[in-house]
């Protein structure tokens, strides 16, 4: 399974149950196809984002074929 940064672990534990379940499904899928997320630009260049529902995003990087989830947060905070 993809590795979670400490912040991502905290973010995952703070989500409502329904989003937690969906986030875990998406993270498992990222192991199979890590390039499914959109490439980010600007200060987040080199990172990728995928949607978690309508208002949350999973920000991650792909390093040597491994996925490292950096943060799981509301869209308004995810890109800061």
N, C-alpha and C. Protein backbone atom coordinates (compact mmCIF):
# COMPACT_ATOMS: atom_id res chain seq x y z
N UNK A 1 0.85 -1.20 0.00
CA UNK A 1 0.00 0.00 0.00
C UNK A 1 0.88 1.24 0.00
N UNK A 2 0.32 2.32 -0.48
CA UNK A 2 1.03 3.58 -0.51
C UNK A 2 1.42 4.00 0.91
N UNK A 3 2.52 4.70 1.00
CA UNK A 3 2.97 5.20 2.29
C UNK A 3 2.27 6.52 2.60
N UNK A 4 1.92 6.72 3.85
CA UNK A 4 1.29 7.96 4.28
C UNK A 4 2.27 8.78 5.10
N UNK A 5 2.40 10.05 4.76
CA UNK A 5 3.18 10.97 5.59
C UNK A 5 2.42 11.16 6.90
N UNK A 6 3.11 11.62 7.93
CA UNK A 6 2.45 11.82 9.24
C UNK A 6 1.23 12.72 9.12
N UNK A 7 1.39 13.78 8.36
CA UNK A 7 0.26 14.71 8.20
C UNK A 7 -0.93 14.00 7.54
N UNK A 8 -0.65 13.17 6.54
CA UNK A 8 -1.73 12.45 5.86
C UNK A 8 -2.42 11.48 6.81
N UNK A 9 -1.66 10.85 7.70
CA UNK A 9 -2.27 9.95 8.70
C UNK A 9 -3.22 10.73 9.60
N UNK A 10 -2.78 11.90 10.06
CA UNK A 10 -3.63 12.74 10.91
C UNK A 10 -4.87 13.20 10.15
N UNK A 11 -4.66 13.59 8.90
CA UNK A 11 -5.79 14.03 8.07
C UNK A 11 -6.80 12.90 7.88
N UNK A 12 -6.30 11.70 7.64
CA UNK A 12 -7.18 10.54 7.42
C UNK A 12 -7.99 10.24 8.67
N UNK A 13 -7.36 10.31 9.83
CA UNK A 13 -8.06 10.04 11.08
C UNK A 13 -9.10 11.11 11.42
N UNK A 14 -8.92 12.32 10.89
CA UNK A 14 -9.84 13.42 11.19
C UNK A 14 -11.05 13.46 10.25
N UNK A 15 -11.01 12.68 9.18
CA UNK A 15 -12.12 12.68 8.22
C UNK A 15 -13.33 11.94 8.78
N UNK A 16 -14.52 12.30 8.30
CA UNK A 16 -15.71 11.51 8.65
C UNK A 16 -15.55 10.08 8.12
N UNK A 17 -16.24 9.15 8.72
CA UNK A 17 -16.11 7.72 8.39
C UNK A 17 -16.29 7.44 6.90
N UNK A 18 -17.30 8.02 6.29
CA UNK A 18 -17.57 7.76 4.87
C UNK A 18 -16.40 8.19 3.99
N UNK A 19 -15.82 9.35 4.29
CA UNK A 19 -14.67 9.82 3.51
C UNK A 19 -13.43 9.00 3.80
N UNK A 20 -13.28 8.52 5.02
CA UNK A 20 -12.13 7.68 5.37
C UNK A 20 -12.15 6.40 4.54
N UNK A 21 -13.30 5.78 4.44
CA UNK A 21 -13.42 4.54 3.65
C UNK A 21 -13.09 4.82 2.19
N UNK A 22 -13.64 5.89 1.64
CA UNK A 22 -13.38 6.23 0.24
C UNK A 22 -11.92 6.59 0.02
N UNK A 23 -11.31 7.31 0.97
CA UNK A 23 -9.90 7.68 0.85
C UNK A 23 -9.02 6.43 0.80
N UNK A 24 -9.31 5.46 1.64
CA UNK A 24 -8.53 4.22 1.65
C UNK A 24 -8.66 3.48 0.32
N UNK A 25 -9.85 3.49 -0.26
CA UNK A 25 -10.05 2.85 -1.57
C UNK A 25 -9.23 3.56 -2.64
N UNK A 26 -9.25 4.87 -2.62
CA UNK A 26 -8.50 5.65 -3.61
C UNK A 26 -7.00 5.42 -3.45
N UNK A 27 -6.52 5.40 -2.22
CA UNK A 27 -5.09 5.19 -1.96
C UNK A 27 -4.67 3.81 -2.46
N UNK A 28 -5.50 2.79 -2.25
CA UNK A 28 -5.19 1.45 -2.78
C UNK A 28 -5.13 1.48 -4.31
N UNK A 29 -6.05 2.23 -4.92
CA UNK A 29 -6.05 2.33 -6.38
C UNK A 29 -4.80 3.06 -6.88
N UNK A 30 -4.32 4.03 -6.14
CA UNK A 30 -3.11 4.76 -6.54
C UNK A 30 -1.91 3.84 -6.64
N UNK A 31 -1.88 2.78 -5.84
CA UNK A 31 -0.79 1.80 -5.95
C UNK A 31 -0.80 1.12 -7.31
N UNK A 32 -1.98 0.90 -7.86
CA UNK A 32 -2.10 0.24 -9.16
C UNK A 32 -1.82 1.20 -10.31
N UNK A 33 -2.28 2.42 -10.19
CA UNK A 33 -2.12 3.42 -11.24
C UNK A 33 -1.77 4.78 -10.61
N UNK A 34 -0.50 5.00 -10.28
CA UNK A 34 -0.12 6.22 -9.56
C UNK A 34 -0.25 7.50 -10.39
N UNK A 35 -0.39 7.38 -11.69
CA UNK A 35 -0.44 8.58 -12.53
C UNK A 35 -1.86 9.00 -12.87
N UNK A 36 -2.83 8.49 -12.11
CA UNK A 36 -4.23 8.83 -12.35
C UNK A 36 -4.54 10.28 -11.94
N UNK A 37 -3.84 10.79 -10.97
CA UNK A 37 -4.08 12.15 -10.49
C UNK A 37 -3.54 13.21 -11.43
N UNK A 38 -4.05 14.41 -11.26
CA UNK A 38 -3.65 15.54 -12.08
C UNK A 38 -2.30 16.09 -11.60
N UNK A 39 -1.40 16.38 -12.55
CA UNK A 39 -0.13 17.00 -12.20
C UNK A 39 -0.38 18.43 -11.74
N UNK A 40 0.30 18.82 -10.68
CA UNK A 40 0.14 20.17 -10.16
C UNK A 40 1.27 21.06 -10.68
N UNK A 41 1.01 22.35 -10.70
CA UNK A 41 1.98 23.32 -11.21
C UNK A 41 2.32 24.32 -10.12
N UNK A 42 3.21 25.24 -10.46
CA UNK A 42 3.59 26.29 -9.53
C UNK A 42 4.36 25.75 -8.35
N UNK A 43 4.07 26.24 -7.15
CA UNK A 43 4.83 25.81 -5.97
C UNK A 43 4.62 24.33 -5.64
N UNK A 44 3.59 23.71 -6.20
CA UNK A 44 3.32 22.29 -5.94
C UNK A 44 3.80 21.41 -7.10
N UNK A 45 4.63 21.95 -7.96
CA UNK A 45 5.13 21.19 -9.10
C UNK A 45 5.83 19.92 -8.62
N UNK A 46 5.59 18.82 -9.32
CA UNK A 46 6.16 17.54 -8.93
C UNK A 46 5.20 16.70 -8.10
N UNK A 47 4.12 17.33 -7.67
CA UNK A 47 3.11 16.62 -6.88
C UNK A 47 1.89 16.36 -7.76
N UNK A 48 1.03 15.48 -7.29
CA UNK A 48 -0.20 15.16 -8.00
C UNK A 48 -1.37 15.27 -7.04
N UNK A 49 -2.56 15.47 -7.60
CA UNK A 49 -3.78 15.56 -6.77
C UNK A 49 -4.87 14.72 -7.41
N UNK A 50 -5.64 14.08 -6.56
CA UNK A 50 -6.83 13.37 -7.02
C UNK A 50 -7.98 13.72 -6.10
N UNK A 51 -9.17 13.66 -6.63
CA UNK A 51 -10.36 14.06 -5.87
C UNK A 51 -10.79 12.99 -4.88
N UNK A 52 -11.24 13.47 -3.75
CA UNK A 52 -11.88 12.62 -2.74
C UNK A 52 -13.24 13.26 -2.51
N UNK A 53 -14.23 12.81 -3.23
CA UNK A 53 -15.53 13.45 -3.17
C UNK A 53 -15.49 14.79 -3.89
N UNK A 54 -16.43 15.64 -3.55
CA UNK A 54 -16.53 16.94 -4.23
C UNK A 54 -15.58 17.97 -3.66
N UNK A 55 -15.30 17.89 -2.37
CA UNK A 55 -14.61 19.01 -1.74
C UNK A 55 -13.25 18.67 -1.12
N UNK A 56 -12.81 17.44 -1.19
CA UNK A 56 -11.52 17.08 -0.60
C UNK A 56 -10.56 16.59 -1.68
N UNK A 57 -9.28 16.73 -1.42
CA UNK A 57 -8.25 16.30 -2.35
C UNK A 57 -7.20 15.47 -1.62
N UNK A 58 -6.62 14.54 -2.34
CA UNK A 58 -5.48 13.77 -1.85
C UNK A 58 -4.27 14.25 -2.65
N UNK A 59 -3.29 14.81 -1.96
CA UNK A 59 -2.07 15.30 -2.59
C UNK A 59 -0.98 14.26 -2.35
N UNK A 60 -0.28 13.86 -3.41
CA UNK A 60 0.71 12.81 -3.28
C UNK A 60 1.85 13.01 -4.27
N UNK A 61 2.91 12.26 -4.06
CA UNK A 61 4.03 12.23 -5.00
C UNK A 61 4.29 10.78 -5.39
N UNK A 62 4.90 10.62 -6.54
CA UNK A 62 5.32 9.30 -6.99
C UNK A 62 6.84 9.34 -7.02
N UNK A 63 7.46 8.50 -6.20
CA UNK A 63 8.91 8.47 -6.08
C UNK A 63 9.39 7.04 -6.32
N UNK A 64 10.14 6.86 -7.39
CA UNK A 64 10.68 5.55 -7.75
C UNK A 64 9.59 4.48 -7.80
N UNK A 65 8.45 4.85 -8.36
CA UNK A 65 7.35 3.91 -8.50
C UNK A 65 6.49 3.72 -7.27
N UNK A 66 6.85 4.37 -6.16
CA UNK A 66 6.08 4.26 -4.92
C UNK A 66 5.27 5.55 -4.70
N UNK A 67 4.08 5.38 -4.17
CA UNK A 67 3.21 6.52 -3.89
C UNK A 67 3.38 6.93 -2.43
N UNK A 68 3.59 8.23 -2.22
CA UNK A 68 3.66 8.79 -0.87
C UNK A 68 2.58 9.85 -0.77
N UNK A 69 1.58 9.59 0.06
CA UNK A 69 0.48 10.53 0.25
C UNK A 69 0.94 11.59 1.24
N UNK A 70 0.89 12.85 0.83
CA UNK A 70 1.37 13.95 1.66
C UNK A 70 0.28 14.53 2.54
N UNK A 71 -0.89 14.75 1.97
CA UNK A 71 -1.99 15.35 2.73
C UNK A 71 -3.33 14.95 2.13
N UNK A 72 -4.32 14.95 2.98
CA UNK A 72 -5.71 14.72 2.57
C UNK A 72 -6.50 15.85 3.22
N UNK A 73 -6.96 16.79 2.41
CA UNK A 73 -7.59 17.96 3.02
C UNK A 73 -8.67 18.55 2.13
N UNK A 74 -9.40 19.50 2.71
CA UNK A 74 -10.44 20.21 1.98
C UNK A 74 -9.78 20.98 0.84
N UNK A 75 -10.48 21.11 -0.23
CA UNK A 75 -9.96 21.76 -1.43
C UNK A 75 -9.40 23.15 -1.15
N UNK A 76 -10.06 23.90 -0.28
CA UNK A 76 -9.61 25.28 -0.02
C UNK A 76 -8.25 25.30 0.68
N UNK A 77 -7.89 24.23 1.38
CA UNK A 77 -6.61 24.17 2.10
C UNK A 77 -5.57 23.32 1.38
N UNK A 78 -5.99 22.47 0.48
CA UNK A 78 -5.10 21.47 -0.11
C UNK A 78 -3.96 22.07 -0.91
N UNK A 79 -4.19 23.17 -1.57
CA UNK A 79 -3.19 23.71 -2.49
C UNK A 79 -2.35 24.82 -1.86
N UNK A 80 -2.36 24.92 -0.56
CA UNK A 80 -1.56 25.95 0.12
C UNK A 80 -0.23 25.42 0.53
